[in-house]
Amino acid sequence: MARSREGYTIGQLSSLSGTPVKTIRFYSDIGVLPERERTPAGYRLYGEADRARLGLIRTLREIGLDLATIRSVVVVGRTGNDLAEVLTLHLEAVETQLRSLQRTRTVLRAALKRGDPMDVDLNRLNALGKVGAAEMELLLDEFLGDVGGDGGALATWLDGMRRCMMPRLPDDPTPEQLDAWLELAALLADDDYRDALRPTGEENLWARVEASGRPYDAEGPQRANALIVEEVLAAKKAGVEPGSAQADVVLDRVMAVMSQMHMTEDSVEFRRTMAKGYVDHDPRAERHWELIAKINGTPWSPEPNEAHHWIRDALLHRVTP
């Protein structure tokens, strides 16, 4: 494919490399593959060096390196013995392959322990062979690039959340963990789920952050959510029902935190917007985090979800979305 005199557009680079446009855009937004320049119309342009760098990024992702490490390799650069670095990368690739073989062994053992293997065991084995750690990493990159859009505050937040969004399948996983791994892969690839998570319109947190021009605190939503959950769980423990008069003061405190996080004032309109957000909330998002916890073998607490269900009910008793 011929390129323009200025360089490759993102579409041309995608066609040449076989990498989805959304993935390239995500890599650019987080600084792994910064565009060489932009046209007066705002289109990204890439050069031959960027094309080669993208090939290196794909290779490093396939052997399981995280994006922070890749950024230090392809953007910042490293010093030291080049041969040692190459051997280290190869070692990581071999270890990734070994983990994949160990998981395959686990599936085979689980199937044979039944004494009479079922079709589901063979289906699980076949699917697992197609979705190893490297494939899950690439799938997560595409998912975040799609949901995050053209960068900005949302992409920054997602990049910060990425580490906890990538589960680590144990070397000797249980059948339940394997099933959760495959279910998560299917969820990440679901276009309908991606569409449901992608914010639309100007009345959302990310649009207001962009409009404010202020630096975005990527950890702010997590801190705010922790305060909200603590407040509501205490009220629930005290027996405060969402529709009761006692709930008014609790909801006021919760809305004060939420409105500050959303860079707006607490008002009837804001509460209607939040109520609509709760009503439209996709329950698959809760399942997403539950699957990650199951794969990692960590306890899954329903309390944060219960707190937000209380807030939803309290809002719906007072406003109409």
Protein backbone atom coordinates (compact mmCIF):
# COMPACT_ATOMS: atom_id res chain seq x y z
CA MET A 1 0.00 0.00 0.00
CA ALA A 2 1.33 3.43 -0.94
CA ARG A 3 1.61 6.03 1.75
CA SER A 4 1.14 9.76 1.54
CA ARG A 5 4.20 11.94 1.32
CA GLU A 6 3.70 12.96 4.93
CA GLY A 7 3.50 9.40 6.31
CA TYR A 8 1.03 6.63 7.03
CA THR A 9 -2.46 7.40 8.25
CA ILE A 10 -3.75 5.23 11.06
CA GLY A 11 -5.89 3.31 8.56
CA GLN A 12 -2.92 2.65 6.28
CA LEU A 13 -0.80 1.52 9.21
CA SER A 14 -3.62 -0.79 10.29
CA SER A 15 -3.85 -2.37 6.83
CA LEU A 16 -0.10 -2.84 6.56
CA SER A 17 0.32 -4.34 10.02
CA GLY A 18 -2.92 -6.26 10.43
CA THR A 19 -3.50 -4.44 13.73
CA PRO A 20 -7.00 -3.00 14.34
CA VAL A 21 -7.27 0.78 14.14
CA LYS A 22 -8.72 0.89 17.65
CA THR A 23 -5.72 -0.96 19.05
CA ILE A 24 -3.24 1.38 17.33
CA ARG A 25 -5.19 4.38 18.63
CA PHE A 26 -5.10 2.95 22.16
CA TYR A 27 -1.32 2.38 21.94
CA SER A 28 -0.90 5.99 20.79
CA ASP A 29 -3.14 7.40 23.51
CA ILE A 30 -1.16 5.75 26.31
CA GLY A 31 2.24 6.65 24.82
CA VAL A 32 3.40 3.24 23.62
CA LEU A 33 3.18 4.26 19.96
CA PRO A 34 2.93 8.05 19.83
CA GLU A 35 2.09 9.40 16.40
CA ARG A 36 4.89 11.24 14.63
CA GLU A 37 2.67 14.24 13.96
CA ARG A 38 -0.86 15.29 13.10
CA THR A 39 -2.23 16.87 9.96
CA PRO A 40 -3.88 20.31 10.13
CA ALA A 41 -7.19 18.39 10.12
CA GLY A 42 -6.12 16.43 13.19
CA TYR A 43 -5.37 13.08 11.57
CA ARG A 44 -2.54 11.04 13.07
CA LEU A 45 0.49 10.31 10.90
CA TYR A 46 3.09 7.58 11.40
CA GLY A 47 6.47 6.96 9.77
CA GLU A 48 8.49 3.90 8.82
CA ALA A 49 10.05 3.84 12.29
CA ASP A 50 6.57 3.73 13.82
CA ARG A 51 5.62 0.84 11.53
CA ALA A 52 8.67 -1.11 12.72
CA ARG A 53 7.95 -0.16 16.33
CA LEU A 54 4.39 -1.47 16.02
CA GLY A 55 5.76 -4.82 14.86
CA LEU A 56 8.00 -4.92 17.93
CA ILE A 57 5.08 -4.03 20.20
CA ARG A 58 2.99 -6.88 18.79
CA THR A 59 5.87 -9.31 19.30
CA LEU A 60 6.41 -8.21 22.88
CA ARG A 61 2.69 -8.41 23.64
CA GLU A 62 2.54 -11.93 22.21
CA ILE A 63 5.23 -13.11 24.62
CA GLY A 64 3.32 -11.64 27.54
CA LEU A 65 5.05 -8.34 28.38
CA ASP A 66 2.85 -5.68 29.98
CA LEU A 67 2.42 -2.28 28.36
CA ALA A 68 4.43 -0.42 31.00
CA THR A 69 7.47 -2.61 30.26
CA ILE A 70 6.94 -2.30 26.52
CA ARG A 71 6.80 1.48 26.82
CA SER A 72 10.19 1.48 28.54
CA VAL A 73 11.62 -0.70 25.76
CA VAL A 74 10.26 0.99 22.64
CA VAL A 75 9.92 4.60 23.80
CA VAL A 76 12.26 5.33 26.70
CA GLY A 77 14.92 2.83 25.67
CA ARG A 78 17.18 0.76 27.90
CA THR A 79 20.86 0.58 28.63
CA GLY A 80 22.95 -2.46 29.37
CA ASN A 81 23.80 -5.66 27.65
CA ASP A 82 21.56 -6.00 24.58
CA LEU A 83 22.13 -9.74 24.33
CA ALA A 84 21.08 -10.23 27.93
CA GLU A 85 17.87 -8.31 27.25
CA VAL A 86 17.11 -10.42 24.18
CA LEU A 87 17.71 -13.62 26.13
CA THR A 88 15.49 -12.35 28.92
CA LEU A 89 12.66 -11.75 26.45
CA HIS A 90 13.11 -15.23 25.00
CA LEU A 91 13.04 -16.70 28.50
CA GLU A 92 9.77 -14.93 29.19
CA ALA A 93 8.37 -16.33 25.94
CA VAL A 94 9.36 -19.87 26.92
CA GLU A 95 7.87 -19.45 30.39
CA THR A 96 4.62 -18.21 28.83
CA GLN A 97 4.52 -21.30 26.62
CA LEU A 98 5.19 -23.53 29.63
CA ARG A 99 2.30 -21.97 31.54
CA SER A 100 0.06 -22.65 28.55
CA LEU A 101 1.15 -26.30 28.48
CA GLN A 102 0.58 -26.60 32.22
CA ARG A 103 -2.98 -25.32 31.79
CA THR A 104 -3.54 -27.82 28.99
CA ARG A 105 -2.28 -30.58 31.28
CA THR A 106 -4.72 -29.48 33.96
CA VAL A 107 -7.66 -29.66 31.57
CA LEU A 108 -6.64 -33.12 30.38
CA ARG A 109 -6.25 -34.39 33.94
CA ALA A 110 -9.62 -32.98 34.96
CA ALA A 111 -11.26 -34.66 31.97
CA LEU A 112 -9.65 -38.04 32.66
CA LYS A 113 -10.53 -37.93 36.37
CA ARG A 114 -14.18 -38.16 35.40
CA GLY A 115 -13.57 -41.67 34.13
CA ASP A 116 -15.98 -40.89 31.30
CA PRO A 117 -14.90 -37.58 29.69
CA MET A 118 -17.71 -35.44 28.33
CA ASP A 119 -17.91 -33.22 25.26
CA VAL A 120 -17.70 -30.15 27.50
CA ASP A 121 -14.20 -31.22 28.56
CA LEU A 122 -13.04 -31.39 24.96
CA ASN A 123 -14.69 -28.06 24.15
CA ARG A 124 -12.93 -26.46 27.11
CA LEU A 125 -9.58 -27.87 25.98
CA ASN A 126 -10.09 -26.62 22.42
CA ALA A 127 -11.14 -23.14 23.55
CA LEU A 128 -8.28 -22.83 26.03
CA GLY A 129 -5.79 -23.58 23.26
CA LYS A 130 -7.05 -20.48 21.45
CA VAL A 131 -7.10 -18.13 24.46
CA GLY A 132 -3.84 -18.19 26.36
CA ALA A 133 -2.34 -15.38 28.43
CA ALA A 134 -0.94 -13.57 25.36
CA GLU A 135 -4.28 -13.72 23.56
CA MET A 136 -6.08 -12.42 26.64
CA GLU A 137 -3.61 -9.50 26.87
CA LEU A 138 -4.25 -8.56 23.23
CA LEU A 139 -8.00 -8.95 23.68
CA LEU A 140 -7.92 -6.65 26.71
CA ASP A 141 -5.94 -4.06 24.72
CA GLU A 142 -8.58 -4.08 21.99
CA PHE A 143 -11.39 -3.90 24.56
CA LEU A 144 -9.86 -0.89 26.35
CA GLY A 145 -9.07 0.82 23.05
CA ASP A 146 -12.66 0.38 21.90
CA VAL A 147 -14.30 1.51 25.13
CA GLY A 148 -11.78 4.31 25.73
CA GLY A 149 -12.28 5.94 22.34
CA ASP A 150 -9.90 8.66 21.22
CA GLY A 151 -8.05 9.02 24.49
CA GLY A 152 -8.34 11.70 27.14
CA ALA A 153 -9.53 11.16 30.69
CA LEU A 154 -11.36 7.88 30.07
CA ALA A 155 -8.37 6.30 28.31
CA THR A 156 -6.11 7.50 31.14
CA TRP A 157 -8.38 5.95 33.75
CA LEU A 158 -8.65 2.67 31.83
CA ASP A 159 -4.88 2.50 31.42
CA GLY A 160 -4.54 2.90 35.18
CA MET A 161 -7.15 0.19 35.76
CA ARG A 162 -5.59 -2.18 33.24
CA ARG A 163 -3.34 -4.01 35.66
CA CYS A 164 -6.21 -5.10 37.90
CA MET A 165 -8.36 -5.91 34.85
CA MET A 166 -5.90 -8.53 33.57
CA PRO A 167 -6.37 -11.71 35.63
CA ARG A 168 -3.58 -14.21 36.19
CA LEU A 169 -4.64 -17.78 35.61
CA PRO A 170 -2.79 -20.08 38.07
CA ASP A 171 -0.37 -22.68 36.76
CA ASP A 172 -2.73 -25.38 38.03
CA PRO A 173 -6.20 -23.83 37.67
CA THR A 174 -9.44 -25.49 38.68
CA PRO A 175 -12.06 -26.29 36.02
CA GLU A 176 -14.13 -23.42 37.46
CA GLN A 177 -11.25 -20.98 36.93
CA LEU A 178 -10.79 -22.24 33.37
CA ASP A 179 -14.48 -21.74 32.65
CA ALA A 180 -14.28 -18.22 34.11
CA TRP A 181 -11.25 -17.49 31.91
CA LEU A 182 -13.12 -18.52 28.77
CA GLU A 183 -16.27 -16.64 29.80
CA LEU A 184 -14.20 -13.49 30.38
CA ALA A 185 -12.60 -13.80 26.94
CA ALA A 186 -16.04 -14.07 25.35
CA LEU A 187 -17.27 -11.05 27.34
CA LEU A 188 -14.31 -8.88 26.32
CA ALA A 189 -14.94 -9.75 22.66
CA ASP A 190 -18.67 -8.97 22.86
CA ASP A 191 -19.36 -5.85 20.77
CA ASP A 192 -22.71 -5.31 22.48
CA TYR A 193 -20.99 -5.24 25.88
CA ARG A 194 -18.40 -2.77 24.59
CA ASP A 195 -21.15 -0.52 23.24
CA ALA A 196 -22.94 -0.62 26.60
CA LEU A 197 -19.83 0.56 28.46
CA ARG A 198 -18.86 3.30 26.01
CA PRO A 199 -20.08 6.69 27.32
CA THR A 200 -22.20 8.77 24.95
CA GLY A 201 -23.21 12.40 24.86
CA GLU A 202 -21.73 15.36 26.65
CA GLU A 203 -23.41 14.77 30.01
CA ASN A 204 -20.89 12.28 31.33
CA LEU A 205 -17.93 12.45 33.68
CA TRP A 206 -15.30 12.11 30.97
CA ALA A 207 -16.73 14.91 28.81
CA ARG A 208 -16.76 17.25 31.80
CA VAL A 209 -13.17 16.37 32.70
CA GLU A 210 -12.09 17.17 29.15
CA ALA A 211 -14.04 20.44 29.14
CA SER A 212 -12.57 21.54 32.48
CA GLY A 213 -9.01 21.47 31.18
CA ARG A 214 -7.82 20.32 34.60
CA PRO A 215 -5.44 17.37 35.12
CA TYR A 216 -7.37 14.18 35.70
CA ASP A 217 -6.89 12.32 38.99
CA ALA A 218 -7.10 8.69 37.83
CA GLU A 219 -7.48 7.41 41.41
CA GLY A 220 -10.21 9.89 42.30
CA PRO A 221 -13.18 7.68 41.31
CA GLN A 222 -11.81 4.78 43.36
CA ARG A 223 -11.46 6.94 46.47
CA ALA A 224 -14.91 8.41 45.96
CA ASN A 225 -16.46 4.99 45.47
CA ALA A 226 -14.83 3.71 48.67
CA LEU A 227 -16.37 6.61 50.63
CA ILE A 228 -19.78 6.05 49.07
CA VAL A 229 -19.80 2.31 49.73
CA GLU A 230 -18.72 2.81 53.35
CA GLU A 231 -21.45 5.41 53.91
CA VAL A 232 -24.23 3.29 52.41
CA LEU A 233 -23.20 0.01 54.03
CA ALA A 234 -23.25 1.71 57.42
CA ALA A 235 -26.78 2.94 56.70
CA LYS A 236 -27.88 -0.52 55.57
CA LYS A 237 -26.42 -2.08 58.70
CA ALA A 238 -28.40 0.44 60.76
CA GLY A 239 -31.57 -0.67 58.98
CA VAL A 240 -32.12 2.48 56.90
CA GLU A 241 -34.41 1.63 53.97
CA PRO A 242 -33.87 3.44 50.62
CA GLY A 243 -37.38 4.90 50.60
CA SER A 244 -37.41 6.09 54.21
CA ALA A 245 -37.06 9.64 55.49
CA GLN A 246 -33.86 8.60 57.28
CA ALA A 247 -32.33 7.84 53.89
CA ASP A 248 -32.51 11.51 52.84
CA VAL A 249 -29.41 12.56 54.76
CA VAL A 250 -27.47 9.49 53.58
CA LEU A 251 -28.39 10.15 49.96
CA ASP A 252 -27.45 13.82 50.33
CA ARG A 253 -23.96 12.87 51.48
CA VAL A 254 -23.61 10.31 48.69
CA MET A 255 -24.76 12.78 46.03
CA ALA A 256 -22.35 15.40 47.37
CA VAL A 257 -19.44 13.02 46.77
CA MET A 258 -20.76 11.92 43.38
CA SER A 259 -21.43 15.44 42.11
CA GLN A 260 -17.94 16.54 43.13
CA MET A 261 -16.46 13.55 41.30
CA HIS A 262 -18.54 14.43 38.23
CA MET A 263 -17.44 18.08 38.40
CA THR A 264 -20.97 19.44 38.70
CA GLU A 265 -23.49 20.57 41.31
CA ASP A 266 -25.89 18.29 43.15
CA SER A 267 -29.30 19.08 41.68
CA VAL A 268 -32.55 17.38 40.70
CA GLU A 269 -31.27 17.10 37.14
CA PHE A 270 -28.00 15.54 38.31
CA ARG A 271 -29.93 13.03 40.41
CA ARG A 272 -32.11 12.17 37.42
CA THR A 273 -28.98 11.60 35.35
CA MET A 274 -27.50 9.34 38.03
CA ALA A 275 -30.78 7.44 38.39
CA LYS A 276 -30.88 6.86 34.64
CA GLY A 277 -27.31 5.61 34.77
CA TYR A 278 -28.26 3.07 37.41
CA VAL A 279 -31.35 1.95 35.48
CA ASP A 280 -29.34 1.56 32.27
CA HIS A 281 -26.43 -0.15 34.04
CA ASP A 282 -25.38 -3.36 32.31
CA PRO A 283 -25.24 -6.22 34.86
CA ARG A 284 -22.48 -7.80 32.79
CA ALA A 285 -20.09 -5.22 34.26
CA GLU A 286 -20.60 -6.81 37.69
CA ARG A 287 -20.08 -10.25 36.20
CA HIS A 288 -16.87 -8.95 34.60
CA TRP A 289 -15.27 -8.19 37.97
CA GLU A 290 -16.65 -11.38 39.50
CA LEU A 291 -14.93 -13.43 36.78
CA ILE A 292 -11.62 -11.65 37.39
CA ALA A 293 -11.84 -12.43 41.11
CA LYS A 294 -12.68 -16.07 40.41
CA ILE A 295 -9.72 -16.48 38.04
CA ASN A 296 -7.35 -14.83 40.51
CA GLY A 297 -8.68 -16.98 43.33
CA THR A 298 -9.56 -13.92 45.43
CA PRO A 299 -12.75 -13.47 47.47
CA TRP A 300 -15.60 -11.72 45.67
CA SER A 301 -17.56 -9.39 47.93
CA PRO A 302 -21.09 -8.46 46.84
CA GLU A 303 -21.17 -5.50 49.24
CA PRO A 304 -20.14 -2.74 46.76
CA ASN A 305 -22.89 -3.86 44.38
CA GLU A 306 -25.39 -3.99 47.24
CA ALA A 307 -24.43 -0.42 48.19
CA HIS A 308 -25.03 0.86 44.67
CA HIS A 309 -28.33 -1.02 44.45
CA TRP A 310 -29.38 0.85 47.61
CA ILE A 311 -28.40 4.19 46.00
CA ARG A 312 -30.35 3.27 42.86
CA ASP A 313 -33.46 2.46 44.88
CA ALA A 314 -33.10 5.61 46.99
CA LEU A 315 -32.87 7.77 43.87
CA LEU A 316 -35.83 6.08 42.18
CA HIS A 317 -37.96 6.78 45.27
CA ARG A 318 -37.27 10.50 44.83
CA VAL A 319 -36.77 11.27 41.12
CA THR A 320 -37.90 9.96 37.75
CA PRO A 321 -35.04 9.21 35.32
